N, C-alpha and C. Protein backbone atom coordinates (compact mmCIF):
# COMPACT_ATOMS: atom_id res chain seq x y z
N MET A 1 0.82 -1.19 0.00
CA MET A 1 0.00 0.00 0.00
C MET A 1 0.86 1.25 0.00
N SER A 2 0.44 2.22 -0.75
CA SER A 2 1.20 3.47 -0.76
C SER A 2 0.76 4.36 0.39
N GLU A 3 1.72 5.07 0.95
CA GLU A 3 1.44 5.98 2.05
C GLU A 3 0.77 7.22 1.51
N LYS A 4 -0.31 7.63 2.15
CA LYS A 4 -0.99 8.85 1.72
C LYS A 4 -0.16 10.05 2.15
N ILE A 5 0.09 10.95 1.22
CA ILE A 5 0.88 12.14 1.50
C ILE A 5 -0.05 13.23 2.00
N LYS A 6 0.22 13.70 3.19
CA LYS A 6 -0.57 14.78 3.77
C LYS A 6 0.18 16.09 3.60
N ARG A 7 -0.41 16.98 2.87
CA ARG A 7 0.21 18.28 2.64
C ARG A 7 -0.25 19.27 3.69
N LYS A 8 0.62 20.15 4.02
CA LYS A 8 0.35 21.16 5.04
C LYS A 8 -0.65 22.17 4.50
N THR A 9 -1.53 22.64 5.35
CA THR A 9 -2.44 23.72 4.99
C THR A 9 -1.97 24.99 5.69
N PHE A 10 -2.27 26.12 5.08
CA PHE A 10 -1.77 27.40 5.56
C PHE A 10 -2.92 28.36 5.82
N SER A 11 -2.84 29.09 6.91
CA SER A 11 -3.83 30.13 7.19
C SER A 11 -3.63 31.28 6.20
N LYS A 12 -4.62 32.14 6.14
CA LYS A 12 -4.53 33.31 5.26
C LYS A 12 -3.32 34.17 5.64
N ASN A 13 -3.11 34.37 6.94
CA ASN A 13 -1.97 35.19 7.39
C ASN A 13 -0.64 34.55 7.03
N LYS A 14 -0.53 33.24 7.16
CA LYS A 14 0.71 32.53 6.83
C LYS A 14 0.96 32.62 5.32
N ARG A 15 -0.09 32.49 4.51
CA ARG A 15 0.06 32.61 3.06
C ARG A 15 0.57 34.01 2.69
N LEU A 16 0.02 35.03 3.33
CA LEU A 16 0.48 36.41 3.06
C LEU A 16 1.94 36.58 3.47
N GLU A 17 2.30 36.02 4.61
CA GLU A 17 3.69 36.08 5.08
C GLU A 17 4.63 35.41 4.06
N ILE A 18 4.21 34.28 3.54
CA ILE A 18 5.04 33.57 2.56
C ILE A 18 5.15 34.37 1.27
N SER A 19 4.06 34.96 0.81
CA SER A 19 4.12 35.73 -0.45
C SER A 19 4.97 36.99 -0.30
N ARG A 20 5.02 37.55 0.91
CA ARG A 20 5.84 38.75 1.14
C ARG A 20 7.33 38.45 1.05
N LYS A 21 7.72 37.20 1.27
CA LYS A 21 9.15 36.84 1.18
C LYS A 21 9.72 37.15 -0.19
N THR A 22 8.86 37.10 -1.21
CA THR A 22 9.29 37.39 -2.58
C THR A 22 8.56 38.61 -3.15
N ASN A 23 8.22 39.54 -2.25
CA ASN A 23 7.58 40.80 -2.67
C ASN A 23 6.29 40.57 -3.46
N ASN A 24 5.53 39.56 -3.09
CA ASN A 24 4.28 39.19 -3.76
C ASN A 24 4.48 38.88 -5.23
N ARG A 25 5.63 38.26 -5.51
CA ARG A 25 5.96 37.82 -6.87
C ARG A 25 6.24 36.32 -6.84
N CYS A 26 6.10 35.70 -8.00
CA CYS A 26 6.41 34.28 -8.12
C CYS A 26 7.88 34.06 -7.81
N CYS A 27 8.18 33.11 -6.97
CA CYS A 27 9.57 32.85 -6.59
C CYS A 27 10.40 32.36 -7.78
N TYR A 28 9.76 31.83 -8.81
CA TYR A 28 10.49 31.31 -9.97
C TYR A 28 10.63 32.37 -11.07
N CYS A 29 9.51 32.85 -11.60
CA CYS A 29 9.56 33.74 -12.77
C CYS A 29 9.56 35.23 -12.40
N GLY A 30 9.10 35.56 -11.19
CA GLY A 30 9.07 36.95 -10.77
C GLY A 30 7.82 37.72 -11.15
N ASP A 31 6.86 37.05 -11.79
CA ASP A 31 5.60 37.73 -12.13
C ASP A 31 4.84 38.10 -10.86
N GLU A 32 4.09 39.21 -10.93
CA GLU A 32 3.24 39.60 -9.80
C GLU A 32 2.17 38.54 -9.59
N LEU A 33 1.87 38.26 -8.32
CA LEU A 33 0.95 37.17 -8.00
C LEU A 33 -0.51 37.61 -7.95
N ASP A 34 -0.80 38.86 -7.69
CA ASP A 34 -2.17 39.37 -7.63
C ASP A 34 -3.07 38.54 -6.73
N GLY A 35 -2.51 38.03 -5.63
CA GLY A 35 -3.30 37.29 -4.65
C GLY A 35 -3.57 35.83 -4.99
N VAL A 36 -3.24 35.41 -6.21
CA VAL A 36 -3.47 34.03 -6.62
C VAL A 36 -2.12 33.34 -6.75
N PHE A 37 -1.88 32.36 -5.86
CA PHE A 37 -0.59 31.68 -5.91
C PHE A 37 -0.65 30.33 -5.22
N HIS A 38 0.33 29.52 -5.52
CA HIS A 38 0.53 28.24 -4.86
C HIS A 38 1.69 28.40 -3.87
N ILE A 39 1.74 27.52 -2.89
CA ILE A 39 2.89 27.47 -2.00
C ILE A 39 3.84 26.43 -2.59
N ALA A 40 5.02 26.87 -2.95
CA ALA A 40 6.02 25.99 -3.55
C ALA A 40 7.02 25.55 -2.49
N HIS A 41 7.50 24.34 -2.64
CA HIS A 41 8.59 23.84 -1.80
C HIS A 41 9.88 24.05 -2.56
N ILE A 42 10.81 24.79 -2.01
CA ILE A 42 12.08 25.01 -2.69
C ILE A 42 12.89 23.71 -2.71
N ILE A 43 12.92 23.00 -1.60
CA ILE A 43 13.40 21.61 -1.63
C ILE A 43 12.13 20.80 -1.78
N SER A 44 12.03 20.01 -2.83
CA SER A 44 10.76 19.38 -3.18
C SER A 44 10.18 18.56 -2.05
N PHE A 45 8.87 18.56 -1.99
CA PHE A 45 8.12 17.83 -0.98
C PHE A 45 8.51 16.35 -0.99
N MET A 46 8.63 15.77 -2.18
CA MET A 46 8.97 14.35 -2.28
C MET A 46 10.40 14.09 -1.81
N SER A 47 11.33 14.99 -2.09
CA SER A 47 12.71 14.83 -1.61
C SER A 47 12.74 14.81 -0.09
N LEU A 48 11.95 15.67 0.52
CA LEU A 48 11.88 15.69 1.98
C LEU A 48 11.34 14.37 2.51
N LYS A 49 10.26 13.88 1.89
CA LYS A 49 9.64 12.63 2.35
C LYS A 49 10.61 11.46 2.20
N ILE A 50 11.33 11.40 1.09
CA ILE A 50 12.29 10.32 0.87
C ILE A 50 13.37 10.33 1.94
N LYS A 51 13.80 11.52 2.32
CA LYS A 51 14.86 11.65 3.33
C LYS A 51 14.31 11.53 4.75
N GLY A 52 12.99 11.39 4.88
CA GLY A 52 12.39 11.27 6.21
C GLY A 52 12.32 12.57 6.97
N ILE A 53 12.37 13.68 6.25
CA ILE A 53 12.34 15.01 6.89
C ILE A 53 10.89 15.50 6.91
N GLU A 54 10.48 15.97 8.06
CA GLU A 54 9.12 16.51 8.18
C GLU A 54 9.01 17.81 7.40
N ASP A 55 7.84 18.03 6.87
CA ASP A 55 7.56 19.20 6.05
C ASP A 55 7.07 20.34 6.94
N ASN A 56 7.97 20.91 7.76
CA ASN A 56 7.51 21.95 8.67
C ASN A 56 8.45 23.15 8.77
N ASP A 57 9.39 23.26 7.89
CA ASP A 57 10.34 24.36 7.94
C ASP A 57 9.86 25.50 7.04
N ASP A 58 9.43 26.59 7.64
CA ASP A 58 8.88 27.71 6.88
C ASP A 58 9.86 28.29 5.86
N SER A 59 11.15 28.14 6.08
CA SER A 59 12.12 28.69 5.12
C SER A 59 12.07 27.95 3.78
N ASN A 60 11.45 26.79 3.74
CA ASN A 60 11.34 26.01 2.51
C ASN A 60 10.14 26.42 1.65
N TYR A 61 9.28 27.28 2.15
CA TYR A 61 8.08 27.66 1.43
C TYR A 61 8.26 29.00 0.73
N MET A 62 7.82 29.05 -0.51
CA MET A 62 7.81 30.30 -1.28
C MET A 62 6.50 30.34 -2.06
N ALA A 63 6.12 31.54 -2.46
CA ALA A 63 4.92 31.72 -3.28
C ALA A 63 5.29 31.57 -4.75
N SER A 64 4.45 30.82 -5.46
CA SER A 64 4.69 30.57 -6.88
C SER A 64 3.41 30.80 -7.67
N CYS A 65 3.55 31.33 -8.88
CA CYS A 65 2.37 31.43 -9.73
C CYS A 65 1.93 29.99 -10.07
N PRO A 66 0.65 29.77 -10.28
CA PRO A 66 0.18 28.42 -10.56
C PRO A 66 0.88 27.78 -11.76
N GLN A 67 1.14 28.57 -12.80
CA GLN A 67 1.78 28.02 -14.01
C GLN A 67 3.16 27.46 -13.70
N CYS A 68 3.99 28.22 -13.01
CA CYS A 68 5.34 27.73 -12.67
C CYS A 68 5.28 26.53 -11.74
N ASN A 69 4.40 26.59 -10.74
CA ASN A 69 4.33 25.49 -9.79
C ASN A 69 3.89 24.19 -10.46
N ARG A 70 2.96 24.28 -11.39
CA ARG A 70 2.52 23.07 -12.12
C ARG A 70 3.63 22.56 -13.02
N PHE A 71 4.33 23.46 -13.67
CA PHE A 71 5.39 23.06 -14.60
C PHE A 71 6.59 22.47 -13.87
N GLU A 72 6.83 22.93 -12.66
CA GLU A 72 7.97 22.46 -11.87
C GLU A 72 7.80 20.98 -11.51
N LEU A 73 6.58 20.53 -11.32
CA LEU A 73 6.24 19.11 -11.12
C LEU A 73 6.89 18.45 -9.91
N GLY A 74 7.34 19.22 -8.94
CA GLY A 74 7.89 18.63 -7.73
C GLY A 74 9.23 17.95 -7.90
N GLY A 75 9.92 18.23 -9.00
CA GLY A 75 11.20 17.58 -9.25
C GLY A 75 12.40 18.27 -8.63
N GLY A 76 12.20 19.41 -8.02
CA GLY A 76 13.30 20.14 -7.42
C GLY A 76 13.83 21.22 -8.34
N LEU A 77 14.62 22.11 -7.77
CA LEU A 77 15.11 23.28 -8.50
C LEU A 77 15.96 22.94 -9.71
N GLU A 78 16.90 22.05 -9.56
CA GLU A 78 17.80 21.75 -10.69
C GLU A 78 17.07 21.04 -11.82
N PHE A 79 16.14 20.16 -11.46
CA PHE A 79 15.33 19.50 -12.49
C PHE A 79 14.50 20.54 -13.25
N PHE A 80 13.89 21.46 -12.51
CA PHE A 80 13.09 22.52 -13.13
C PHE A 80 13.97 23.38 -14.04
N ARG A 81 15.15 23.75 -13.55
CA ARG A 81 16.08 24.55 -14.35
C ARG A 81 16.44 23.84 -15.65
N GLU A 82 16.77 22.56 -15.55
CA GLU A 82 17.13 21.77 -16.75
C GLU A 82 15.95 21.66 -17.71
N THR A 83 14.75 21.45 -17.16
CA THR A 83 13.55 21.36 -17.99
C THR A 83 13.32 22.65 -18.75
N LEU A 84 13.49 23.79 -18.09
CA LEU A 84 13.32 25.08 -18.75
C LEU A 84 14.35 25.28 -19.86
N MET A 85 15.58 24.85 -19.61
CA MET A 85 16.65 25.00 -20.61
C MET A 85 16.38 24.16 -21.86
N GLU A 86 15.57 23.12 -21.74
CA GLU A 86 15.27 22.24 -22.86
C GLU A 86 14.10 22.71 -23.72
N GLN A 87 13.41 23.75 -23.31
CA GLN A 87 12.17 24.13 -23.99
C GLN A 87 12.35 24.52 -25.45
N THR A 88 13.40 25.25 -25.78
CA THR A 88 13.56 25.62 -27.19
C THR A 88 13.88 24.39 -28.05
N LYS A 89 14.65 23.44 -27.51
CA LYS A 89 14.92 22.19 -28.25
C LYS A 89 13.63 21.42 -28.49
N ARG A 90 12.78 21.36 -27.47
CA ARG A 90 11.50 20.66 -27.61
C ARG A 90 10.61 21.36 -28.63
N ALA A 91 10.57 22.69 -28.55
CA ALA A 91 9.75 23.44 -29.50
C ALA A 91 10.25 23.23 -30.93
N LEU A 92 11.55 23.24 -31.11
CA LEU A 92 12.13 23.02 -32.43
C LEU A 92 11.78 21.64 -32.96
N ARG A 93 11.82 20.66 -32.07
CA ARG A 93 11.51 19.28 -32.45
C ARG A 93 10.02 19.08 -32.72
N ASP A 94 9.16 19.69 -31.89
CA ASP A 94 7.74 19.33 -31.88
C ASP A 94 6.79 20.34 -32.52
N SER A 95 7.24 21.56 -32.76
CA SER A 95 6.30 22.59 -33.19
C SER A 95 6.64 23.14 -34.58
N VAL A 96 5.74 22.90 -35.50
CA VAL A 96 5.88 23.47 -36.84
C VAL A 96 5.82 24.99 -36.75
N ASN A 97 4.95 25.51 -35.91
CA ASN A 97 4.83 26.96 -35.76
C ASN A 97 6.14 27.57 -35.29
N TYR A 98 6.78 26.94 -34.33
CA TYR A 98 8.06 27.44 -33.82
C TYR A 98 9.12 27.42 -34.92
N ARG A 99 9.22 26.30 -35.63
CA ARG A 99 10.23 26.20 -36.70
C ARG A 99 9.98 27.24 -37.79
N PHE A 100 8.73 27.48 -38.11
CA PHE A 100 8.39 28.45 -39.15
C PHE A 100 8.73 29.88 -38.68
N ALA A 101 8.40 30.20 -37.44
CA ALA A 101 8.71 31.52 -36.90
C ALA A 101 10.23 31.72 -36.83
N LEU A 102 10.95 30.68 -36.50
CA LEU A 102 12.42 30.74 -36.45
C LEU A 102 12.97 30.97 -37.85
N LYS A 103 12.42 30.26 -38.81
CA LYS A 103 12.86 30.38 -40.21
C LYS A 103 12.73 31.81 -40.72
N TYR A 104 11.67 32.49 -40.32
CA TYR A 104 11.42 33.85 -40.78
C TYR A 104 11.88 34.91 -39.77
N ASN A 105 12.82 34.52 -38.92
CA ASN A 105 13.45 35.43 -37.96
C ASN A 105 12.47 36.15 -37.04
N GLN A 106 11.38 35.49 -36.70
CA GLN A 106 10.42 36.05 -35.75
C GLN A 106 10.80 35.68 -34.32
N ILE A 107 11.69 34.72 -34.19
CA ILE A 107 12.17 34.27 -32.89
C ILE A 107 13.69 34.31 -32.92
N LYS A 108 14.25 34.81 -31.84
CA LYS A 108 15.70 34.76 -31.71
C LYS A 108 16.00 33.95 -30.46
N GLU A 109 16.66 32.83 -30.63
CA GLU A 109 17.02 31.99 -29.50
C GLU A 109 18.20 32.63 -28.78
N THR A 110 18.04 32.81 -27.50
CA THR A 110 19.09 33.43 -26.68
C THR A 110 19.29 32.58 -25.42
N PRO A 111 19.93 31.44 -25.56
CA PRO A 111 20.11 30.59 -24.38
C PRO A 111 20.95 31.29 -23.32
N THR A 112 20.39 31.34 -22.13
CA THR A 112 21.07 31.93 -20.98
C THR A 112 20.81 31.05 -19.77
N PRO A 113 21.67 31.11 -18.79
CA PRO A 113 21.42 30.34 -17.57
C PRO A 113 20.10 30.76 -16.93
N ILE A 114 19.39 29.80 -16.37
CA ILE A 114 18.13 30.09 -15.68
C ILE A 114 18.46 30.52 -14.25
N VAL A 115 18.02 31.72 -13.90
CA VAL A 115 18.16 32.23 -12.54
C VAL A 115 16.74 32.53 -12.06
N PHE A 116 16.33 31.88 -10.99
CA PHE A 116 14.99 32.09 -10.47
C PHE A 116 14.94 33.40 -9.69
N TYR A 117 13.77 34.00 -9.68
CA TYR A 117 13.57 35.30 -9.04
C TYR A 117 14.07 35.30 -7.59
N PHE A 118 13.72 34.29 -6.81
CA PHE A 118 14.11 34.28 -5.40
C PHE A 118 15.63 34.24 -5.25
N GLU A 119 16.33 33.70 -6.24
CA GLU A 119 17.80 33.67 -6.18
C GLU A 119 18.38 35.07 -6.34
N THR A 120 17.72 35.93 -7.08
CA THR A 120 18.21 37.30 -7.23
C THR A 120 17.98 38.08 -5.94
N LEU A 121 16.96 37.73 -5.17
CA LEU A 121 16.71 38.40 -3.90
C LEU A 121 17.77 38.07 -2.88
N LYS A 122 18.23 36.86 -2.86
CA LYS A 122 19.27 36.46 -1.91
C LYS A 122 20.56 37.23 -2.15
N LYS A 123 20.86 37.51 -3.41
CA LYS A 123 22.10 38.21 -3.75
C LYS A 123 22.08 39.66 -3.31
N THR A 124 20.89 40.26 -3.23
CA THR A 124 20.81 41.67 -2.89
C THR A 124 20.69 41.92 -1.40
N LYS A 125 20.52 40.87 -0.62
CA LYS A 125 20.35 41.04 0.84
C LYS A 125 21.63 40.81 1.57
């Protein structure tokens, strides 16, 4: 039998406190949250469970836009970073629209290292 994973619930005040950590912006992309956000685990929830670590350290929680949190898929920061770096290769392989736009110079590929918004905040503090 698989163990049921119980996720932590957050009060309205705790959610606001978490979103303020990143200036009410998504911890990954930096977009404004406008009050709608998910609570993201910077060290993935599953990684914590595998290591037997309880999910109770507030420093591990950040606010994320729903799109980034869904795309991150709980694989952890480096997996998410690698997945993002692969997107243009996937688009080139899978999308006729992308290849056509590239052919007519409507897209300029500019591969750069992925730096998440919350990582830029740490550098300035």
